[in-house]
Amino acid sequence: MMEKVKIGELADTIMEGLEEYKDLATDEMKKSVKKSGKTVKQEIEKNAPKRTGKYKKSWAVKTTKEDANSIELTVHSRNRYQLAHLLEFGHAKRGGGRVRAIPHIAPAEEVGVKELEDEIERALRK
């Protein structure tokens, strides 16, 4: 004898499954974002100009916003943030002329974005 399944019970079961998938996907997304943030920091450190090494070592990853469904990270220079812009884009000299740009932040960001896309794609295929 077949049991009849009530539509309400079926809907509850489906919603429960979707909630579980959402929670798993959210956790995987957060892990991917954290991993990409760390990669961006490492890429900046690897390609940053080195004179004394202080600028290169000043980079950090900070969680700026996180809730149940999202996370936001910031990769920043802790005490040399003014220098970051000048090095990335170049600047005018006092006596005339320009100092050449040393792009190291934008390329690191591109690497991080690519890694994030790959990680999210991999995580959602599981």
Protein backbone atom coordinates (compact mmCIF):
# COMPACT_ATOMS: atom_id res chain seq x y z
CA MET A 1 0.00 0.00 0.00
CA MET A 2 1.38 3.43 -0.96
CA GLU A 3 1.42 6.24 1.50
CA LYS A 4 0.26 9.58 0.31
CA VAL A 5 2.69 12.37 1.01
CA LYS A 6 1.14 15.63 1.95
CA ILE A 7 2.19 18.58 -0.15
CA GLY A 8 3.07 20.57 2.95
CA GLU A 9 5.45 17.86 4.18
CA LEU A 10 7.09 17.63 0.77
CA ALA A 11 7.55 21.37 0.65
CA ASP A 12 9.06 21.35 4.15
CA THR A 13 11.48 18.58 3.16
CA ILE A 14 12.55 20.45 0.03
CA MET A 15 13.03 23.69 1.96
CA GLU A 16 15.09 21.86 4.58
CA GLY A 17 17.36 20.48 1.84
CA LEU A 18 17.73 23.90 0.23
CA GLU A 19 18.61 25.51 3.58
CA GLU A 20 21.27 22.87 4.18
CA TYR A 21 22.74 23.48 0.69
CA LYS A 22 22.70 27.24 1.27
CA ASP A 23 24.58 26.86 4.55
CA LEU A 24 27.21 24.60 2.96
CA ALA A 25 27.60 26.93 -0.04
CA THR A 26 27.94 29.97 2.24
CA ASP A 27 30.66 28.29 4.30
CA GLU A 28 32.57 27.30 1.15
CA MET A 29 32.26 30.83 -0.25
CA LYS A 30 33.63 32.34 2.95
CA LYS A 31 36.58 29.92 2.91
CA SER A 32 37.25 30.84 -0.72
CA VAL A 33 37.18 34.57 0.02
CA LYS A 34 39.60 34.14 2.95
CA LYS A 35 41.96 32.06 0.84
CA SER A 36 41.88 34.63 -1.99
CA GLY A 37 42.55 37.48 0.44
CA LYS A 38 45.60 35.65 1.73
CA THR A 39 46.78 35.06 -1.84
CA VAL A 40 46.43 38.77 -2.70
CA LYS A 41 48.50 39.69 0.36
CA GLN A 42 51.21 37.18 -0.58
CA GLU A 43 51.29 38.38 -4.20
CA ILE A 44 51.67 42.01 -3.10
CA GLU A 45 54.47 41.06 -0.71
CA LYS A 46 56.18 39.04 -3.44
CA ASN A 47 56.06 41.84 -6.04
CA ALA A 48 56.32 44.94 -3.83
CA PRO A 49 59.39 47.12 -4.26
CA LYS A 50 62.00 46.44 -1.64
CA ARG A 51 64.31 49.06 -0.24
CA THR A 52 64.34 48.33 3.48
CA GLY A 53 61.60 45.68 3.45
CA LYS A 54 59.30 47.59 5.82
CA TYR A 55 56.75 48.36 3.09
CA LYS A 56 56.72 44.75 1.91
CA LYS A 57 56.13 43.47 5.46
CA SER A 58 53.41 46.01 6.23
CA TRP A 59 50.62 44.23 4.31
CA ALA A 60 47.77 42.56 6.19
CA VAL A 61 44.33 41.03 5.57
CA LYS A 62 41.49 42.27 7.74
CA THR A 63 37.89 41.06 7.95
CA THR A 64 35.93 44.30 7.65
CA LYS A 65 32.42 42.89 7.59
CA GLU A 66 30.93 39.47 8.20
CA ASP A 67 27.45 38.17 8.79
CA ALA A 68 25.71 34.83 8.37
CA ASN A 69 25.64 35.05 4.57
CA SER A 70 28.60 37.19 3.54
CA ILE A 71 32.14 38.23 4.33
CA GLU A 72 34.21 41.23 3.27
CA LEU A 73 38.00 41.35 3.54
CA THR A 74 40.38 44.25 3.08
CA VAL A 75 44.01 43.81 2.12
CA HIS A 76 45.88 46.90 3.28
CA SER A 77 49.23 48.30 4.25
CA ARG A 78 49.20 48.77 8.02
CA ASN A 79 51.48 51.76 8.40
CA ARG A 80 52.58 52.64 4.88
CA TYR A 81 49.25 53.23 3.15
CA GLN A 82 50.29 56.64 1.76
CA LEU A 83 53.27 55.03 0.06
CA ALA A 84 51.13 52.34 -1.61
CA HIS A 85 49.39 54.80 -3.94
CA LEU A 86 52.60 56.61 -4.83
CA LEU A 87 54.41 53.40 -5.69
CA GLU A 88 51.49 51.87 -7.60
CA PHE A 89 50.81 54.88 -9.82
CA GLY A 90 54.03 56.92 -9.75
CA HIS A 91 54.21 60.55 -8.70
CA ALA A 92 55.65 63.94 -9.58
CA LYS A 93 59.08 64.91 -8.28
CA ARG A 94 59.61 68.11 -6.42
CA GLY A 95 62.07 69.52 -8.96
CA GLY A 96 60.08 68.37 -11.99
CA GLY A 97 59.73 65.07 -13.73
CA ARG A 98 58.08 61.91 -12.54
CA VAL A 99 58.91 58.80 -10.60
CA ARG A 100 57.92 55.68 -12.54
CA ALA A 101 55.01 53.56 -11.35
CA ILE A 102 55.66 50.10 -9.92
CA PRO A 103 52.34 48.26 -10.31
CA HIS A 104 52.17 45.55 -7.68
CA ILE A 105 48.68 45.91 -6.17
CA ALA A 106 46.52 45.67 -9.32
CA PRO A 107 48.27 42.52 -10.62
CA ALA A 108 47.86 40.88 -7.20
CA GLU A 109 44.16 41.77 -7.22
CA GLU A 110 43.75 40.13 -10.64
CA VAL A 111 45.39 36.94 -9.35
CA GLY A 112 43.08 36.99 -6.31
CA VAL A 113 39.93 37.48 -8.40
CA LYS A 114 40.90 34.61 -10.70
CA GLU A 115 41.61 32.34 -7.72
CA LEU A 116 38.31 33.30 -6.08
CA GLU A 117 36.37 32.44 -9.23
CA ASP A 118 38.14 29.08 -9.52
CA GLU A 119 37.66 28.25 -5.82
CA ILE A 120 33.95 29.10 -5.84
CA GLU A 121 33.40 27.09 -9.01
CA ARG A 122 35.24 24.11 -7.48
CA ALA A 123 33.35 24.38 -4.18
CA LEU A 124 29.93 24.49 -5.82
CA ARG A 125 30.69 21.41 -7.94
CA LYS A 126 31.16 19.28 -4.81
